[in-house]
N, C-alpha and C. Protein backbone atom coordinates (compact mmCIF):
# COMPACT_ATOMS: atom_id res chain seq x y z
N MET A 1 -32.00 27.64 -43.76
CA MET A 1 -32.98 27.50 -43.94
C MET A 1 -34.41 27.44 -44.11
N THR A 2 -35.22 27.27 -44.42
CA THR A 2 -36.52 27.15 -44.96
C THR A 2 -37.67 26.35 -44.23
N PRO A 3 -38.46 27.28 -43.25
CA PRO A 3 -39.66 26.53 -42.55
C PRO A 3 -40.46 25.39 -43.78
N SER A 4 -40.37 23.98 -43.02
CA SER A 4 -41.28 23.11 -44.04
C SER A 4 -42.91 23.26 -44.06
N THR A 5 -43.39 23.04 -45.09
CA THR A 5 -44.30 23.69 -45.38
C THR A 5 -45.51 22.64 -45.44
N ILE A 6 -46.57 22.21 -44.15
CA ILE A 6 -47.39 20.80 -44.50
C ILE A 6 -48.22 21.27 -44.69
N GLU A 7 -48.72 20.69 -46.30
CA GLU A 7 -50.33 20.57 -46.19
C GLU A 7 -51.14 19.73 -46.66
N ILE A 8 -52.06 19.90 -46.00
CA ILE A 8 -53.03 18.55 -45.90
C ILE A 8 -54.68 19.05 -46.41
N ARG A 9 -54.80 18.05 -47.61
CA ARG A 9 -55.93 18.61 -48.28
C ARG A 9 -57.35 18.03 -48.38
N LEU A 10 -57.96 17.90 -47.80
CA LEU A 10 -59.35 17.38 -47.91
C LEU A 10 -60.41 17.53 -48.93
N VAL A 11 -60.46 16.45 -49.66
CA VAL A 11 -61.48 17.10 -50.38
C VAL A 11 -62.71 15.93 -50.25
N PRO A 12 -63.31 16.43 -50.20
CA PRO A 12 -65.12 16.38 -49.81
C PRO A 12 -65.48 15.04 -50.91
N THR A 13 -66.19 14.36 -50.65
CA THR A 13 -67.18 13.35 -51.92
C THR A 13 -68.18 13.69 -52.04
N ALA A 14 -68.85 13.60 -52.67
CA ALA A 14 -70.71 13.57 -52.63
C ALA A 14 -71.36 12.87 -51.41
N ASP A 15 -70.82 12.00 -51.05
CA ASP A 15 -71.59 11.38 -49.55
C ASP A 15 -71.82 12.69 -48.30
N ASP A 16 -70.01 13.47 -48.28
CA ASP A 16 -69.63 14.50 -47.52
C ASP A 16 -71.28 15.78 -47.96
N HIS A 17 -71.00 15.89 -49.03
CA HIS A 17 -71.65 16.77 -49.90
C HIS A 17 -73.18 16.67 -49.27
N ARG A 18 -73.86 15.36 -49.61
CA ARG A 18 -75.37 15.05 -48.98
C ARG A 18 -75.15 15.05 -47.47
N VAL A 19 -74.62 14.49 -46.61
CA VAL A 19 -74.37 14.27 -45.35
C VAL A 19 -74.90 16.30 -44.66
N ALA A 20 -73.76 16.87 -45.57
CA ALA A 20 -74.26 18.56 -44.95
C ALA A 20 -75.21 19.00 -45.49
N ARG A 21 -75.68 18.49 -46.67
CA ARG A 21 -77.24 18.97 -46.92
C ARG A 21 -78.31 18.94 -46.06
N HIS A 22 -78.07 17.43 -45.64
CA HIS A 22 -79.42 16.99 -44.65
C HIS A 22 -79.23 17.58 -43.11
N ALA A 23 -77.50 17.84 -43.03
CA ALA A 23 -77.67 18.36 -41.29
C ALA A 23 -77.79 20.12 -41.42
N ALA A 24 -77.56 20.45 -42.67
CA ALA A 24 -78.13 21.68 -42.14
C ALA A 24 -79.78 21.81 -42.45
N ALA A 25 -80.90 21.28 -43.30
CA ALA A 25 -81.69 20.70 -42.87
C ALA A 25 -82.02 20.65 -41.65
N ALA A 26 -81.55 19.42 -40.66
CA ALA A 26 -81.98 19.29 -39.39
C ALA A 26 -81.54 20.36 -38.54
N ILE A 27 -80.90 21.29 -39.16
CA ILE A 27 -80.20 22.30 -37.89
C ILE A 27 -81.14 23.52 -38.42
N VAL A 28 -81.55 23.55 -39.61
CA VAL A 28 -82.66 24.32 -39.28
C VAL A 28 -83.88 24.20 -38.96
N LEU A 29 -84.49 23.33 -38.84
CA LEU A 29 -85.61 22.32 -37.78
C LEU A 29 -85.15 22.81 -36.70
N THR A 30 -83.87 22.15 -35.86
CA THR A 30 -83.82 22.66 -34.98
C THR A 30 -84.27 23.91 -34.25
N VAL A 31 -83.24 24.40 -35.30
CA VAL A 31 -83.35 26.21 -34.47
C VAL A 31 -84.97 26.92 -35.08
N ALA A 32 -85.53 26.14 -35.80
CA ALA A 32 -86.85 26.82 -35.79
C ALA A 32 -87.85 26.35 -34.29
N GLU A 33 -87.38 24.93 -34.46
CA GLU A 33 -88.35 24.36 -33.05
C GLU A 33 -88.22 25.12 -31.88
N ALA A 34 -86.83 25.42 -31.71
CA ALA A 34 -86.46 26.45 -30.19
C ALA A 34 -87.21 27.56 -30.79
N ALA A 35 -88.00 28.32 -31.44
CA ALA A 35 -88.69 29.15 -31.33
C ALA A 35 -89.82 29.24 -30.99
N ILE A 36 -90.82 27.88 -30.87
CA ILE A 36 -92.12 27.12 -30.41
C ILE A 36 -91.84 27.15 -29.05
N PRO A 37 -93.14 27.68 -28.44
CA PRO A 37 -93.78 27.84 -27.24
C PRO A 37 -93.80 26.41 -26.81
N LEU A 38 -92.97 25.70 -25.54
CA LEU A 38 -93.27 24.95 -25.07
C LEU A 38 -94.62 24.82 -23.47
N PRO A 39 -95.25 23.89 -24.02
CA PRO A 39 -95.67 23.67 -22.79
C PRO A 39 -94.94 23.09 -21.92
N LEU A 40 -94.44 22.30 -21.84
CA LEU A 40 -93.43 21.70 -20.81
C LEU A 40 -91.61 21.42 -21.01
N PRO A 41 -90.76 21.81 -20.79
CA PRO A 41 -89.26 22.05 -20.36
C PRO A 41 -89.00 20.53 -21.16
N GLY A 42 -88.40 20.46 -22.25
CA GLY A 42 -87.82 18.90 -22.66
C GLY A 42 -88.79 18.48 -23.62
N VAL A 43 -90.10 18.47 -23.80
CA VAL A 43 -91.17 18.36 -24.81
C VAL A 43 -90.92 18.72 -26.02
N LYS A 44 -90.69 18.43 -27.09
CA LYS A 44 -90.74 18.87 -28.16
C LYS A 44 -90.44 18.14 -29.11
N PRO A 45 -91.02 18.82 -30.65
CA PRO A 45 -91.63 17.84 -31.71
C PRO A 45 -90.77 17.02 -32.30
N GLY A 46 -89.16 17.63 -31.76
CA GLY A 46 -88.73 16.73 -32.67
C GLY A 46 -88.28 16.27 -34.34
N LEU A 47 -88.90 17.67 -34.68
CA LEU A 47 -89.05 18.42 -36.74
C LEU A 47 -87.32 17.39 -37.24
N ALA A 48 -86.09 17.56 -36.47
CA ALA A 48 -85.03 17.29 -37.09
C ALA A 48 -85.04 15.80 -36.92
N ASN A 49 -86.00 15.06 -36.21
CA ASN A 49 -85.66 13.63 -36.41
C ASN A 49 -86.22 13.16 -37.64
N ILE A 50 -87.54 13.77 -38.67
CA ILE A 50 -87.78 13.26 -39.92
C ILE A 50 -86.43 13.40 -40.96
N VAL A 51 -86.12 13.80 -40.98
CA VAL A 51 -84.25 14.61 -41.67
C VAL A 51 -83.35 13.16 -41.50
N THR A 52 -83.40 12.42 -40.02
CA THR A 52 -82.73 11.24 -39.60
C THR A 52 -82.99 10.52 -39.52
N LEU A 53 -84.34 10.17 -40.09
CA LEU A 53 -85.67 9.38 -40.45
C LEU A 53 -85.23 8.79 -42.15
N VAL A 54 -85.40 10.02 -42.86
CA VAL A 54 -85.25 10.09 -44.30
C VAL A 54 -84.07 9.31 -44.73
N VAL A 55 -82.83 10.06 -44.07
CA VAL A 55 -81.62 9.55 -44.30
C VAL A 55 -81.49 7.98 -43.88
N LEU A 56 -81.84 8.28 -42.75
CA LEU A 56 -81.23 6.06 -42.64
C LEU A 56 -82.45 5.45 -43.36
N ALA A 57 -83.39 5.70 -43.91
CA ALA A 57 -83.84 4.75 -44.65
C ALA A 57 -83.26 4.42 -46.53
N ARG A 58 -82.89 5.86 -46.64
CA ARG A 58 -82.35 5.54 -48.24
C ARG A 58 -81.06 6.08 -48.06
N TRP A 59 -80.08 5.90 -47.44
CA TRP A 59 -78.48 6.17 -47.34
C TRP A 59 -78.16 5.20 -46.21
N GLY A 60 -78.82 4.86 -44.96
CA GLY A 60 -78.30 3.91 -43.63
C GLY A 60 -78.10 4.78 -42.78
N TRP A 61 -77.63 3.93 -41.69
CA TRP A 61 -76.98 4.17 -40.42
C TRP A 61 -76.20 5.48 -39.95
N ARG A 62 -74.98 4.61 -41.16
CA ARG A 62 -73.90 5.63 -41.10
C ARG A 62 -74.07 7.74 -41.16
N GLU A 63 -74.64 7.13 -42.21
CA GLU A 63 -75.01 8.69 -42.75
C GLU A 63 -76.49 9.21 -41.89
N ALA A 64 -77.23 8.56 -41.20
CA ALA A 64 -78.06 9.66 -40.11
C ALA A 64 -77.55 9.51 -38.89
N ALA A 65 -76.36 8.40 -38.76
CA ALA A 65 -75.84 8.91 -37.30
C ALA A 65 -74.81 10.37 -37.35
N TRP A 66 -74.16 10.60 -38.85
CA TRP A 66 -73.83 11.79 -39.09
C TRP A 66 -74.43 12.80 -38.77
N VAL A 67 -75.98 12.72 -39.90
CA VAL A 67 -76.39 14.05 -38.98
C VAL A 67 -77.15 14.85 -38.45
N ALA A 68 -77.48 13.55 -37.53
CA ALA A 68 -77.81 13.41 -36.14
C ALA A 68 -76.78 14.38 -35.34
N LEU A 69 -75.88 13.87 -35.36
CA LEU A 69 -74.66 14.05 -33.91
C LEU A 69 -74.45 15.66 -34.61
N LEU A 70 -74.57 15.67 -35.68
CA LEU A 70 -73.94 16.69 -36.42
C LEU A 70 -75.36 18.10 -36.06
N ARG A 71 -76.85 17.91 -36.21
CA ARG A 71 -77.13 18.52 -35.92
C ARG A 71 -77.22 18.83 -34.39
N VAL A 72 -76.99 17.91 -33.58
CA VAL A 72 -77.05 18.57 -32.52
C VAL A 72 -75.58 19.70 -31.91
N LEU A 73 -74.48 18.79 -32.21
CA LEU A 73 -73.79 20.22 -32.08
C LEU A 73 -74.00 21.32 -32.87
N VAL A 74 -74.05 21.27 -34.32
CA VAL A 74 -73.84 22.99 -34.35
C VAL A 74 -74.99 23.74 -34.11
N GLY A 75 -76.44 22.62 -33.92
CA GLY A 75 -78.15 22.99 -33.33
C GLY A 75 -77.48 23.72 -32.11
N SER A 76 -76.79 23.44 -31.34
CA SER A 76 -75.94 23.81 -29.80
C SER A 76 -75.37 25.42 -29.57
N LEU A 77 -74.89 25.02 -30.74
CA LEU A 77 -73.86 25.76 -31.14
C LEU A 77 -74.44 27.62 -31.65
N VAL A 78 -75.23 26.96 -32.73
CA VAL A 78 -76.13 28.59 -32.77
C VAL A 78 -76.93 29.03 -31.55
N LEU A 79 -77.78 28.20 -31.37
CA LEU A 79 -78.30 28.38 -30.27
C LEU A 79 -77.67 28.56 -28.82
N GLY A 80 -77.02 29.36 -28.52
CA GLY A 80 -75.95 29.31 -27.36
C GLY A 80 -76.16 28.40 -26.54
N GLN A 81 -76.23 27.23 -26.99
CA GLN A 81 -76.34 25.95 -25.75
C GLN A 81 -75.04 24.69 -24.91
N PHE A 82 -74.21 24.80 -26.45
CA PHE A 82 -73.08 24.33 -26.58
C PHE A 82 -72.53 23.85 -24.79
N LEU A 83 -72.36 22.74 -24.45
CA LEU A 83 -72.16 22.90 -23.40
C LEU A 83 -72.45 22.68 -22.02
N ALA A 84 -73.96 23.45 -22.70
CA ALA A 84 -74.97 23.55 -21.78
C ALA A 84 -75.37 21.99 -21.18
N PRO A 85 -76.32 21.91 -20.20
CA PRO A 85 -77.07 20.83 -19.96
C PRO A 85 -77.81 20.63 -20.80
N GLY A 86 -78.66 21.85 -21.63
CA GLY A 86 -79.80 21.01 -22.74
C GLY A 86 -78.79 20.61 -23.49
N PHE A 87 -77.26 20.46 -23.78
CA PHE A 87 -76.29 20.27 -24.61
C PHE A 87 -76.34 18.70 -24.69
N PHE A 88 -75.99 18.17 -23.10
CA PHE A 88 -76.04 16.82 -22.94
C PHE A 88 -77.35 16.07 -23.39
N LEU A 89 -78.36 16.33 -22.68
CA LEU A 89 -79.78 15.87 -22.72
C LEU A 89 -80.19 16.00 -23.88
N SER A 90 -79.60 16.58 -24.67
CA SER A 90 -79.92 16.56 -26.04
C SER A 90 -78.96 15.40 -26.94
N LEU A 91 -78.17 15.69 -26.52
CA LEU A 91 -76.46 14.59 -27.26
C LEU A 91 -76.64 12.74 -26.15
N ALA A 92 -77.39 12.54 -25.59
CA ALA A 92 -77.81 11.62 -24.53
C ALA A 92 -78.84 10.86 -25.23
N GLY A 93 -79.54 12.03 -25.65
CA GLY A 93 -80.75 11.15 -26.36
C GLY A 93 -80.86 11.08 -28.05
N SER A 94 -80.02 11.36 -27.95
CA SER A 94 -79.71 11.50 -29.68
C SER A 94 -78.86 10.34 -29.51
N LEU A 95 -78.01 9.64 -29.06
CA LEU A 95 -76.78 8.79 -29.07
C LEU A 95 -78.07 7.36 -28.79
N ALA A 96 -79.18 7.81 -27.87
CA ALA A 96 -79.64 6.52 -27.41
C ALA A 96 -80.74 6.46 -28.83
N SER A 97 -81.08 6.63 -29.39
CA SER A 97 -82.11 6.95 -30.20
C SER A 97 -81.59 5.99 -31.17
N LEU A 98 -79.87 6.78 -32.23
CA LEU A 98 -78.93 6.15 -32.83
C LEU A 98 -78.69 4.75 -32.48
N GLY A 99 -78.42 4.18 -31.63
CA GLY A 99 -78.31 2.82 -30.89
C GLY A 99 -79.70 1.72 -31.52
N VAL A 100 -80.81 2.57 -31.09
CA VAL A 100 -82.43 1.95 -31.43
C VAL A 100 -82.38 1.73 -32.63
N LEU A 101 -81.85 2.98 -33.42
CA LEU A 101 -82.09 3.02 -34.69
C LEU A 101 -80.92 1.65 -35.70
N GLY A 102 -79.92 1.57 -34.98
CA GLY A 102 -79.00 0.88 -35.70
C GLY A 102 -80.00 -0.44 -35.44
N ALA A 103 -79.99 -0.84 -34.50
CA ALA A 103 -80.93 -2.34 -33.96
C ALA A 103 -82.01 -2.30 -34.71
N ALA A 104 -83.12 -2.02 -34.88
CA ALA A 104 -84.18 -1.17 -35.34
C ALA A 104 -84.07 -1.71 -37.15
N MET A 105 -83.03 -0.92 -37.53
CA MET A 105 -83.01 -1.73 -39.05
C MET A 105 -83.15 -2.83 -39.44
N HIS A 106 -82.54 -3.71 -38.11
CA HIS A 106 -82.69 -4.98 -39.15
C HIS A 106 -83.75 -5.38 -38.57
N LEU A 107 -85.02 -5.32 -38.19
CA LEU A 107 -86.48 -5.69 -37.97
C LEU A 107 -86.57 -6.27 -39.38
N PRO A 108 -87.49 -6.72 -39.64
CA PRO A 108 -88.46 -7.23 -41.24
C PRO A 108 -89.02 -6.02 -41.31
N ARG A 109 -88.80 -5.90 -42.38
CA ARG A 109 -89.28 -4.23 -43.08
C ARG A 109 -90.46 -4.70 -43.63
N ARG A 110 -91.03 -5.50 -43.22
CA ARG A 110 -92.64 -6.00 -43.79
C ARG A 110 -93.41 -5.12 -42.53
N TRP A 111 -92.93 -5.03 -41.56
CA TRP A 111 -93.99 -4.77 -40.38
C TRP A 111 -92.95 -3.93 -39.56
N PHE A 112 -91.73 -3.31 -39.70
CA PHE A 112 -91.31 -2.27 -39.40
C PHE A 112 -90.76 -1.37 -40.46
N GLY A 113 -90.90 0.12 -40.07
CA GLY A 113 -90.71 0.92 -40.98
C GLY A 113 -90.50 2.37 -40.39
N PRO A 114 -90.32 2.98 -40.77
CA PRO A 114 -89.93 5.02 -40.57
C PRO A 114 -90.92 5.36 -39.59
N VAL A 115 -92.50 5.08 -39.75
CA VAL A 115 -93.34 4.79 -38.42
C VAL A 115 -93.12 4.41 -36.74
N SER A 116 -92.46 3.08 -37.58
CA SER A 116 -92.14 2.52 -36.35
C SER A 116 -91.04 2.83 -35.41
N HIS A 117 -90.06 3.09 -36.80
CA HIS A 117 -88.48 3.44 -36.47
C HIS A 117 -88.67 4.81 -35.47
N SER A 118 -89.20 5.74 -35.69
CA SER A 118 -89.53 7.08 -35.67
C SER A 118 -90.18 6.57 -34.10
N VAL A 119 -90.73 5.99 -33.38
CA VAL A 119 -91.95 5.92 -32.20
C VAL A 119 -90.50 5.15 -31.35
N LEU A 120 -90.00 4.13 -31.68
CA LEU A 120 -88.57 3.75 -31.13
C LEU A 120 -88.06 4.80 -30.74
N ALA A 121 -87.44 5.38 -31.42
CA ALA A 121 -86.44 6.27 -31.46
C ALA A 121 -86.73 7.52 -30.55
N ALA A 122 -87.98 7.76 -30.88
CA ALA A 122 -88.69 9.19 -29.67
C ALA A 122 -88.28 8.35 -28.28
N PHE A 123 -88.81 6.84 -27.76
CA PHE A 123 -88.77 6.79 -26.21
C PHE A 123 -87.40 6.67 -26.04
N ALA A 124 -86.44 6.22 -27.05
CA ALA A 124 -85.07 6.04 -26.70
C ALA A 124 -84.45 7.30 -26.21
N HIS A 125 -85.08 8.34 -26.95
CA HIS A 125 -84.35 9.74 -26.90
C HIS A 125 -84.85 10.12 -25.54
N ILE A 126 -86.17 9.89 -25.69
CA ILE A 126 -86.25 10.14 -24.08
C ILE A 126 -86.23 9.72 -22.98
N GLY A 127 -85.76 8.16 -23.16
CA GLY A 127 -85.05 7.47 -22.08
C GLY A 127 -84.00 7.86 -21.67
N GLY A 128 -82.79 8.33 -22.99
CA GLY A 128 -81.63 8.55 -22.40
C GLY A 128 -81.43 9.89 -21.98
N GLN A 129 -82.32 10.78 -21.97
CA GLN A 129 -82.35 11.96 -22.09
C GLN A 129 -82.89 11.69 -19.83
N LEU A 130 -83.61 11.28 -19.79
CA LEU A 130 -84.14 11.11 -18.20
C LEU A 130 -83.60 10.17 -17.98
N VAL A 131 -82.12 9.31 -18.25
CA VAL A 131 -81.28 9.03 -17.47
C VAL A 131 -80.07 10.03 -17.12
N VAL A 132 -79.46 10.73 -17.90
CA VAL A 132 -78.93 11.80 -17.81
C VAL A 132 -79.35 12.66 -16.78
N ALA A 133 -80.69 13.27 -17.04
CA ALA A 133 -81.64 14.29 -16.10
C ALA A 133 -81.14 13.00 -14.20
N ARG A 134 -81.71 12.42 -14.48
CA ARG A 134 -81.38 11.59 -13.01
C ARG A 134 -80.12 11.00 -12.76
N LEU A 135 -79.24 11.60 -13.47
CA LEU A 135 -77.45 10.56 -12.38
C LEU A 135 -76.93 12.18 -12.52
N TRP A 136 -77.63 13.24 -13.21
CA TRP A 136 -76.56 14.68 -13.24
C TRP A 136 -77.52 15.74 -12.88
N LEU A 137 -78.85 16.07 -13.25
CA LEU A 137 -79.14 17.11 -13.00
C LEU A 137 -80.48 16.96 -11.97
N VAL A 138 -81.13 15.94 -11.87
CA VAL A 138 -81.95 15.88 -10.59
C VAL A 138 -82.06 14.48 -9.73
N PRO A 139 -80.82 14.44 -8.93
CA PRO A 139 -80.32 13.25 -8.39
C PRO A 139 -81.29 12.76 -7.27
N HIS A 140 -82.43 12.61 -7.55
CA HIS A 140 -83.25 11.46 -6.38
C HIS A 140 -84.31 11.30 -8.14
N ASP A 141 -85.06 10.13 -7.16
CA ASP A 141 -86.27 9.44 -8.47
C ASP A 141 -87.70 10.35 -9.20
N GLY A 142 -87.92 11.84 -8.17
CA GLY A 142 -88.51 12.17 -9.11
C GLY A 142 -88.75 12.96 -10.00
N VAL A 143 -87.69 12.96 -11.27
CA VAL A 143 -87.73 13.03 -12.72
C VAL A 143 -88.63 11.88 -12.69
N PHE A 144 -88.99 10.98 -12.71
CA PHE A 144 -89.31 9.81 -13.25
C PHE A 144 -91.21 10.07 -12.73
N TYR A 145 -91.37 10.59 -12.47
CA TYR A 145 -92.95 10.89 -12.30
C TYR A 145 -93.34 11.77 -13.66
N LEU A 146 -92.32 11.78 -14.49
CA LEU A 146 -92.27 12.77 -15.59
C LEU A 146 -92.50 11.99 -16.93
N VAL A 147 -92.39 10.22 -16.80
CA VAL A 147 -92.41 9.53 -17.76
C VAL A 147 -93.71 9.07 -18.42
N PRO A 148 -94.99 9.14 -17.79
CA PRO A 148 -96.25 9.62 -18.20
C PRO A 148 -96.30 10.66 -19.45
N VAL A 149 -96.17 11.69 -18.86
CA VAL A 149 -95.57 12.97 -20.30
C VAL A 149 -95.33 12.47 -21.17
N PHE A 150 -94.19 12.71 -20.59
CA PHE A 150 -92.99 12.08 -22.23
C PHE A 150 -93.34 10.97 -22.79
N ALA A 151 -93.76 10.14 -22.19
CA ALA A 151 -94.63 9.28 -23.17
C ALA A 151 -95.27 8.77 -23.75
N LEU A 152 -96.08 9.82 -23.83
CA LEU A 152 -97.25 10.21 -24.31
C LEU A 152 -96.90 11.26 -25.58
N ALA A 153 -95.83 12.09 -25.02
CA ALA A 153 -95.05 13.24 -25.97
C ALA A 153 -94.29 12.24 -27.49
N ALA A 154 -93.44 11.57 -26.46
CA ALA A 154 -92.72 10.48 -27.35
C ALA A 154 -94.04 9.47 -28.63
N THR A 155 -94.84 9.02 -28.35
CA THR A 155 -95.77 8.20 -29.10
C THR A 155 -96.17 9.22 -29.86
N LEU A 156 -97.07 10.27 -29.57
CA LEU A 156 -97.93 11.62 -30.50
C LEU A 156 -96.30 12.15 -31.35
N PHE A 157 -95.64 12.73 -30.82
CA PHE A 157 -94.58 12.90 -31.79
C PHE A 157 -93.54 12.10 -32.94
N GLY A 158 -93.53 10.87 -31.87
CA GLY A 158 -93.16 10.39 -32.72
C GLY A 158 -93.84 9.29 -33.81
N LEU A 159 -95.01 9.71 -33.70
CA LEU A 159 -95.73 8.64 -34.71
C LEU A 159 -96.11 9.99 -35.76
N VAL A 160 -96.10 10.94 -35.47
CA VAL A 160 -96.47 12.65 -36.32
C VAL A 160 -94.73 12.32 -37.27
N ASN A 161 -93.81 12.42 -36.69
CA ASN A 161 -92.61 12.57 -37.31
C ASN A 161 -92.27 11.09 -38.22
N GLY A 162 -92.33 9.91 -37.77
CA GLY A 162 -92.65 8.43 -38.89
C GLY A 162 -93.76 8.82 -39.73
N LEU A 163 -95.20 9.31 -39.88
CA LEU A 163 -95.45 9.51 -40.77
C LEU A 163 -95.39 10.32 -41.45
N VAL A 164 -94.59 11.67 -41.78
CA VAL A 164 -94.15 12.28 -42.25
C VAL A 164 -92.85 11.99 -42.82
N ALA A 165 -92.09 11.22 -42.42
CA ALA A 165 -90.94 10.67 -43.00
C ALA A 165 -90.93 9.49 -43.95
N ALA A 166 -92.37 8.93 -43.61
CA ALA A 166 -92.87 7.57 -44.56
C ALA A 166 -93.13 8.72 -45.68
N ARG A 167 -94.60 9.63 -45.74
CA ARG A 167 -95.06 10.64 -46.65
C ARG A 167 -93.80 11.01 -47.79
N LEU A 168 -92.60 11.64 -47.26
CA LEU A 168 -91.69 12.13 -48.27
C LEU A 168 -90.73 10.89 -48.48
N LEU A 169 -90.38 9.88 -47.78
CA LEU A 169 -90.28 8.39 -48.90
C LEU A 169 -90.48 8.03 -50.06
N ASP A 170 -92.70 7.89 -49.78
CA ASP A 170 -93.11 7.37 -50.58
C ASP A 170 -92.86 8.01 -52.04
N ALA A 171 -93.25 9.83 -51.44
CA ALA A 171 -93.22 10.41 -52.84
C ALA A 171 -91.81 10.98 -53.57
N GLU A 172 -91.09 10.35 -52.78
CA GLU A 172 -89.10 10.44 -53.63
C GLU A 172 -89.21 9.48 -54.58
N LEU A 173 -90.33 7.89 -54.00
CA LEU A 173 -90.40 7.22 -54.87
C LEU A 173 -91.48 6.90 -55.93
N ALA A 174 -92.67 8.04 -55.93
CA ALA A 174 -93.37 7.70 -56.74
C ALA A 174 -92.90 8.45 -58.40
N PRO A 175 -93.44 7.51 -59.60
CA PRO A 175 -92.94 8.32 -60.77
C PRO A 175 -93.42 9.54 -60.70
N ALA A 176 -92.53 10.19 -61.58
CA ALA A 176 -93.35 11.51 -61.66
C ALA A 176 -94.18 11.68 -62.66
N THR A 177 -95.42 12.30 -62.14
CA THR A 177 -96.62 12.50 -63.38
C THR A 177 -96.68 13.76 -64.50
N PRO A 178 -96.86 13.80 -65.63
CA PRO A 178 -97.08 15.14 -66.00
C PRO A 178 -97.67 16.20 -65.96
N ARG A 179 -97.48 17.53 -65.55
CA ARG A 179 -98.99 18.43 -65.48
C ARG A 179 -99.82 18.58 -66.16
N ASP A 180 -100.63 18.84 -66.11
CA ASP A 180 -101.86 19.65 -67.25
C ASP A 180 -101.17 20.46 -67.49
N GLY A 181 -101.51 20.86 -68.55
CA GLY A 181 -100.85 21.78 -69.37
C GLY A 181 -99.44 21.91 -70.23
N ALA A 182 -98.49 20.77 -69.70
CA ALA A 182 -97.26 20.77 -69.89
C ALA A 182 -96.80 20.00 -71.01
């Protein structure tokens, strides 16, 4: 009698490769950001969100969700924070911002684009983190005294990240111009 062999073959699609490339870029930004000294714990620029915003605008919410969630998972593994409180805070923030981005995608594009999406997502991210912090890590309302600081950070970093994402999207759509001497 020979043992039966079951072979499962996963064939990645072009979409899978694209998600992997963008997730890798977001993970690199997450790891680089971890090396930046922070004035206050939990206040980060969220550079990887630039990648998520570009993917959202270019390929839609589903791919942006994959990129964001892979970034949280792999980034926490690389940084040695998997299943630590920081992982759950990051996951809660990402899930909240993905929910808001899913809704914001349906707002009129005439008034809402990468910059407004970024600010909305930044506020949702902070909100998700504060809810987890309040319910699990800091079981009293004192955590909400940090809301003004986090709101200022969400506004500032949301604007900057949104402007960078908008610039990247504009550069992507701009026609190529020949270089001098070429």
